[in-house]
N, C-alpha and C. Protein backbone atom coordinates (compact mmCIF):
# COMPACT_ATOMS: atom_id res chain seq x y z
N MET A 1 4.41 -15.28 7.98
CA MET A 1 4.05 -13.87 7.84
C MET A 1 3.67 -13.30 9.21
N LYS A 2 4.04 -12.06 9.42
CA LYS A 2 3.71 -11.36 10.65
C LYS A 2 2.73 -10.25 10.33
N ASP A 3 2.02 -9.79 11.35
CA ASP A 3 1.11 -8.66 11.19
C ASP A 3 1.82 -7.39 11.62
N TYR A 4 1.63 -6.34 10.82
CA TYR A 4 2.19 -5.03 11.13
C TYR A 4 1.08 -4.00 11.06
N LEU A 5 1.15 -3.05 11.97
CA LEU A 5 0.21 -1.94 11.99
C LEU A 5 0.92 -0.73 11.41
N LEU A 6 0.30 -0.09 10.43
CA LEU A 6 0.81 1.15 9.87
C LEU A 6 -0.05 2.28 10.41
N LEU A 7 0.55 3.16 11.18
CA LEU A 7 -0.15 4.31 11.75
C LEU A 7 0.18 5.54 10.91
N PHE A 8 -0.85 6.22 10.44
CA PHE A 8 -0.67 7.35 9.55
C PHE A 8 -0.79 8.66 10.31
N ARG A 9 0.22 9.50 10.18
CA ARG A 9 0.23 10.82 10.83
C ARG A 9 0.42 11.89 9.76
N GLY A 10 -0.28 13.01 9.95
CA GLY A 10 -0.13 14.13 9.02
C GLY A 10 -0.78 13.83 7.68
N GLY A 11 -0.16 14.31 6.63
CA GLY A 11 -0.72 14.12 5.30
C GLY A 11 -1.64 15.26 4.92
N LEU A 12 -2.53 14.99 4.01
CA LEU A 12 -3.45 15.99 3.49
C LEU A 12 -4.38 16.49 4.60
N ASP A 13 -4.48 17.80 4.72
CA ASP A 13 -5.42 18.41 5.66
C ASP A 13 -6.77 18.50 4.95
N PHE A 14 -7.67 17.60 5.28
CA PHE A 14 -8.95 17.52 4.58
C PHE A 14 -9.77 18.80 4.72
N ALA A 15 -9.59 19.52 5.81
CA ALA A 15 -10.35 20.75 6.03
C ALA A 15 -9.90 21.87 5.10
N LYS A 16 -8.66 21.82 4.64
CA LYS A 16 -8.13 22.89 3.79
C LYS A 16 -7.99 22.48 2.32
N ALA A 17 -8.22 21.22 2.02
CA ALA A 17 -8.02 20.72 0.65
C ALA A 17 -9.18 21.12 -0.26
N SER A 18 -8.85 21.31 -1.52
CA SER A 18 -9.90 21.58 -2.52
C SER A 18 -10.65 20.29 -2.81
N PRO A 19 -11.86 20.38 -3.37
CA PRO A 19 -12.58 19.16 -3.74
C PRO A 19 -11.79 18.28 -4.70
N GLU A 20 -11.03 18.90 -5.61
CA GLU A 20 -10.22 18.13 -6.55
C GLU A 20 -9.11 17.38 -5.83
N GLN A 21 -8.45 18.06 -4.88
CA GLN A 21 -7.40 17.40 -4.10
C GLN A 21 -7.97 16.23 -3.30
N LEU A 22 -9.12 16.45 -2.70
CA LEU A 22 -9.76 15.37 -1.92
C LEU A 22 -10.07 14.18 -2.80
N GLN A 23 -10.66 14.43 -3.96
CA GLN A 23 -11.03 13.34 -4.86
C GLN A 23 -9.80 12.57 -5.32
N GLN A 24 -8.74 13.28 -5.69
CA GLN A 24 -7.52 12.63 -6.13
C GLN A 24 -6.89 11.82 -5.00
N ALA A 25 -6.85 12.39 -3.80
CA ALA A 25 -6.28 11.69 -2.65
C ALA A 25 -7.06 10.42 -2.34
N LEU A 26 -8.37 10.52 -2.33
CA LEU A 26 -9.21 9.34 -2.03
C LEU A 26 -9.03 8.26 -3.09
N THR A 27 -8.93 8.67 -4.35
CA THR A 27 -8.70 7.70 -5.43
C THR A 27 -7.35 7.01 -5.25
N ASN A 28 -6.32 7.78 -4.92
CA ASN A 28 -4.99 7.20 -4.70
C ASN A 28 -5.00 6.21 -3.54
N TRP A 29 -5.66 6.58 -2.44
CA TRP A 29 -5.75 5.66 -1.29
C TRP A 29 -6.51 4.39 -1.67
N LYS A 30 -7.63 4.55 -2.37
CA LYS A 30 -8.44 3.40 -2.77
C LYS A 30 -7.60 2.45 -3.64
N ASN A 31 -6.88 3.00 -4.59
CA ASN A 31 -6.06 2.17 -5.47
C ASN A 31 -4.94 1.46 -4.70
N TRP A 32 -4.32 2.14 -3.75
CA TRP A 32 -3.24 1.53 -2.97
C TRP A 32 -3.78 0.39 -2.11
N ILE A 33 -4.90 0.62 -1.45
CA ILE A 33 -5.51 -0.41 -0.60
C ILE A 33 -5.95 -1.60 -1.45
N GLU A 34 -6.55 -1.34 -2.60
CA GLU A 34 -6.97 -2.43 -3.49
C GLU A 34 -5.77 -3.26 -3.93
N GLY A 35 -4.64 -2.61 -4.19
CA GLY A 35 -3.43 -3.33 -4.56
C GLY A 35 -2.94 -4.24 -3.44
N LEU A 36 -2.99 -3.75 -2.20
CA LEU A 36 -2.61 -4.57 -1.05
C LEU A 36 -3.56 -5.75 -0.90
N SER A 37 -4.85 -5.50 -1.12
CA SER A 37 -5.86 -6.57 -1.02
C SER A 37 -5.61 -7.65 -2.06
N LYS A 38 -5.33 -7.25 -3.29
CA LYS A 38 -5.09 -8.21 -4.36
C LYS A 38 -3.87 -9.09 -4.07
N LYS A 39 -2.90 -8.53 -3.35
CA LYS A 39 -1.70 -9.30 -2.96
C LYS A 39 -1.97 -10.19 -1.74
N GLY A 40 -3.13 -10.03 -1.12
CA GLY A 40 -3.49 -10.83 0.04
C GLY A 40 -2.77 -10.42 1.32
N ILE A 41 -2.32 -9.17 1.39
CA ILE A 41 -1.58 -8.73 2.57
C ILE A 41 -2.30 -7.65 3.38
N TYR A 42 -3.49 -7.27 2.96
CA TYR A 42 -4.27 -6.24 3.66
C TYR A 42 -5.20 -6.91 4.66
N ASN A 43 -5.06 -6.55 5.94
CA ASN A 43 -5.92 -7.12 6.98
C ASN A 43 -7.11 -6.23 7.32
N GLY A 44 -7.04 -4.96 6.99
CA GLY A 44 -8.11 -4.04 7.32
C GLY A 44 -7.55 -2.75 7.87
N GLY A 45 -8.41 -1.80 8.07
CA GLY A 45 -8.00 -0.52 8.62
C GLY A 45 -9.09 0.51 8.45
N GLU A 46 -8.87 1.67 9.03
CA GLU A 46 -9.87 2.73 8.98
C GLU A 46 -9.19 4.09 9.03
N ARG A 47 -9.87 5.06 8.49
CA ARG A 47 -9.49 6.46 8.65
C ARG A 47 -10.09 6.90 9.98
N LEU A 48 -9.40 7.75 10.70
CA LEU A 48 -9.90 8.27 11.96
C LEU A 48 -10.31 9.73 11.77
N THR A 49 -11.29 10.16 12.55
CA THR A 49 -11.70 11.56 12.46
C THR A 49 -10.61 12.44 13.01
N ARG A 50 -10.61 13.65 12.58
CA ARG A 50 -9.65 14.63 13.11
C ARG A 50 -10.35 15.53 14.12
N ASN A 51 -11.48 15.07 14.60
CA ASN A 51 -12.17 15.82 15.64
C ASN A 51 -11.31 15.82 16.89
N ASP A 52 -11.76 16.56 17.86
CA ASP A 52 -11.00 16.62 19.11
C ASP A 52 -10.68 15.22 19.60
N ALA A 53 -9.43 15.04 19.98
CA ALA A 53 -8.97 13.76 20.51
C ALA A 53 -8.78 13.91 22.01
N THR A 54 -8.74 12.81 22.70
CA THR A 54 -8.52 12.81 24.14
C THR A 54 -7.43 11.81 24.46
N VAL A 55 -6.53 12.20 25.36
CA VAL A 55 -5.46 11.34 25.82
C VAL A 55 -5.62 11.14 27.32
N VAL A 56 -5.46 9.91 27.77
CA VAL A 56 -5.42 9.62 29.20
C VAL A 56 -3.97 9.25 29.50
N LYS A 57 -3.36 9.95 30.48
CA LYS A 57 -1.91 9.88 30.64
C LYS A 57 -1.51 9.66 32.10
N GLY A 58 -0.52 8.79 32.28
CA GLY A 58 0.16 8.64 33.55
C GLY A 58 -0.59 7.89 34.63
N SER A 59 0.09 7.72 35.77
CA SER A 59 -0.50 6.95 36.87
C SER A 59 -1.69 7.67 37.49
N ASN A 60 -1.78 8.98 37.31
CA ASN A 60 -2.95 9.74 37.81
C ASN A 60 -4.10 9.75 36.82
N ARG A 61 -3.89 9.12 35.67
CA ARG A 61 -4.91 9.06 34.61
C ARG A 61 -5.39 10.46 34.23
N GLU A 62 -4.42 11.36 34.04
CA GLU A 62 -4.73 12.73 33.64
C GLU A 62 -5.38 12.71 32.26
N VAL A 63 -6.47 13.43 32.12
CA VAL A 63 -7.18 13.51 30.84
C VAL A 63 -6.78 14.80 30.15
N ILE A 64 -6.27 14.65 28.93
CA ILE A 64 -5.85 15.79 28.13
C ILE A 64 -6.71 15.81 26.88
N ASP A 65 -7.48 16.89 26.73
CA ASP A 65 -8.35 17.02 25.57
C ASP A 65 -7.65 17.79 24.47
N GLY A 66 -7.86 17.34 23.22
CA GLY A 66 -7.35 18.06 22.07
C GLY A 66 -8.24 19.26 21.81
N PRO A 67 -8.15 19.93 20.71
CA PRO A 67 -7.34 19.50 19.57
C PRO A 67 -5.85 19.73 19.81
N PHE A 68 -5.06 18.88 19.18
CA PHE A 68 -3.63 19.02 19.27
C PHE A 68 -3.17 19.91 18.13
N VAL A 69 -2.21 20.75 18.42
CA VAL A 69 -1.86 21.84 17.53
C VAL A 69 -1.33 21.38 16.18
N GLU A 70 -0.37 20.50 16.18
CA GLU A 70 0.29 20.14 14.94
C GLU A 70 -0.37 18.93 14.29
N ILE A 71 -0.68 19.07 13.01
CA ILE A 71 -1.36 17.99 12.28
C ILE A 71 -0.50 16.73 12.24
N LYS A 72 0.84 16.88 12.27
CA LYS A 72 1.72 15.71 12.24
C LYS A 72 1.62 14.89 13.52
N GLU A 73 1.04 15.45 14.58
CA GLU A 73 0.87 14.73 15.83
C GLU A 73 -0.37 13.84 15.82
N ILE A 74 -1.27 14.10 14.91
CA ILE A 74 -2.55 13.42 14.89
C ILE A 74 -2.46 12.12 14.10
N VAL A 75 -2.89 11.03 14.72
CA VAL A 75 -3.00 9.76 14.00
C VAL A 75 -4.29 9.84 13.19
N GLY A 76 -4.15 9.87 11.88
CA GLY A 76 -5.30 10.06 11.01
C GLY A 76 -5.92 8.76 10.53
N GLY A 77 -5.26 7.64 10.79
CA GLY A 77 -5.80 6.36 10.38
C GLY A 77 -4.77 5.27 10.57
N TYR A 78 -5.17 4.08 10.22
CA TYR A 78 -4.29 2.93 10.39
C TYR A 78 -4.73 1.82 9.45
N ILE A 79 -3.80 0.96 9.10
CA ILE A 79 -4.15 -0.31 8.46
C ILE A 79 -3.26 -1.39 9.04
N SER A 80 -3.71 -2.60 8.90
CA SER A 80 -2.93 -3.77 9.30
C SER A 80 -2.59 -4.53 8.03
N ILE A 81 -1.30 -4.91 7.93
CA ILE A 81 -0.84 -5.66 6.77
C ILE A 81 -0.08 -6.90 7.22
N LYS A 82 0.13 -7.81 6.30
CA LYS A 82 0.98 -8.97 6.53
C LYS A 82 2.29 -8.75 5.78
N ALA A 83 3.40 -9.07 6.45
CA ALA A 83 4.71 -8.96 5.83
C ALA A 83 5.64 -9.98 6.48
N GLU A 84 6.67 -10.38 5.76
CA GLU A 84 7.64 -11.34 6.29
C GLU A 84 8.43 -10.75 7.45
N ASN A 85 8.76 -9.44 7.35
CA ASN A 85 9.58 -8.78 8.36
C ASN A 85 9.37 -7.28 8.22
N VAL A 86 10.01 -6.52 9.12
CA VAL A 86 9.82 -5.08 9.10
C VAL A 86 10.38 -4.45 7.82
N GLN A 87 11.44 -5.03 7.27
CA GLN A 87 11.99 -4.49 6.02
C GLN A 87 10.96 -4.58 4.89
N GLN A 88 10.24 -5.69 4.82
CA GLN A 88 9.21 -5.82 3.80
C GLN A 88 8.05 -4.85 4.08
N ALA A 89 7.70 -4.66 5.34
CA ALA A 89 6.64 -3.70 5.69
C ALA A 89 7.04 -2.29 5.27
N ILE A 90 8.32 -1.96 5.42
CA ILE A 90 8.81 -0.65 5.00
C ILE A 90 8.65 -0.49 3.49
N VAL A 91 9.04 -1.50 2.75
CA VAL A 91 8.92 -1.45 1.28
C VAL A 91 7.45 -1.26 0.89
N ILE A 92 6.57 -2.02 1.52
CA ILE A 92 5.13 -1.91 1.23
C ILE A 92 4.64 -0.50 1.52
N SER A 93 5.08 0.07 2.63
CA SER A 93 4.59 1.40 3.03
C SER A 93 5.06 2.51 2.10
N LYS A 94 6.17 2.32 1.42
CA LYS A 94 6.73 3.40 0.60
C LYS A 94 5.86 3.80 -0.58
N ASP A 95 4.90 2.97 -0.97
CA ASP A 95 3.98 3.32 -2.05
C ASP A 95 2.73 4.04 -1.55
N CYS A 96 2.65 4.28 -0.26
CA CYS A 96 1.45 4.89 0.33
C CYS A 96 1.27 6.33 -0.15
N PRO A 97 0.04 6.71 -0.48
CA PRO A 97 -0.24 8.07 -0.95
C PRO A 97 -0.03 9.16 0.10
N ILE A 98 0.12 8.81 1.36
CA ILE A 98 0.31 9.85 2.39
C ILE A 98 1.58 10.65 2.13
N PHE A 99 2.56 10.03 1.46
CA PHE A 99 3.82 10.72 1.22
C PHE A 99 3.69 11.83 0.18
N ASN A 100 2.60 11.82 -0.60
CA ASN A 100 2.34 12.90 -1.55
C ASN A 100 2.08 14.21 -0.82
N PHE A 101 1.74 14.13 0.48
CA PHE A 101 1.41 15.31 1.28
C PHE A 101 2.27 15.37 2.54
N ASP A 102 3.51 14.89 2.44
CA ASP A 102 4.48 14.98 3.53
C ASP A 102 4.05 14.25 4.79
N GLY A 103 3.28 13.19 4.64
CA GLY A 103 2.82 12.43 5.79
C GLY A 103 3.88 11.52 6.37
N ILE A 104 3.52 10.90 7.48
CA ILE A 104 4.41 10.02 8.22
C ILE A 104 3.71 8.69 8.45
N ILE A 105 4.45 7.59 8.32
CA ILE A 105 3.92 6.28 8.68
C ILE A 105 4.80 5.69 9.78
N GLU A 106 4.17 5.31 10.86
CA GLU A 106 4.84 4.57 11.92
C GLU A 106 4.49 3.10 11.73
N ILE A 107 5.50 2.25 11.68
CA ILE A 107 5.31 0.82 11.44
C ILE A 107 5.58 0.07 12.74
N ARG A 108 4.61 -0.72 13.17
CA ARG A 108 4.76 -1.47 14.42
C ARG A 108 4.35 -2.92 14.19
N GLU A 109 5.20 -3.84 14.64
CA GLU A 109 4.83 -5.25 14.57
C GLU A 109 3.80 -5.54 15.66
N VAL A 110 2.80 -6.31 15.31
CA VAL A 110 1.77 -6.70 16.26
C VAL A 110 2.30 -7.89 17.06
N ALA A 111 2.34 -7.74 18.37
CA ALA A 111 2.83 -8.82 19.24
C ALA A 111 1.72 -9.85 19.45
N LYS A 112 2.07 -11.10 19.35
CA LYS A 112 1.11 -12.17 19.57
C LYS A 112 1.06 -12.48 21.06
N MET A 113 -0.10 -12.49 21.62
CA MET A 113 -0.25 -12.76 23.06
C MET A 113 -0.46 -14.23 23.28
């Protein structure tokens, strides 16, 4: 088994969502994560704040402060999972609740050093 990082972009805008939407979204995420845990493939992860982000860029170490305009540009969280290969990681990711709100998942294999 290999480790894969799932990076979540976009999805539900928590600042604009109704309390009912928030509750339903959180329940869906909780259920999905619990399902991964029961299968023994969930390594951990966290939701990230959507507060101002900062990027350090290039050889001059230019500092670029957010907020960034488009919500789809913001990494809103991540989890680490175990999968045999990237195809299996893709299948696992397809049940993620982020897709209910047009979100994006970037899947990256974790390189062993």
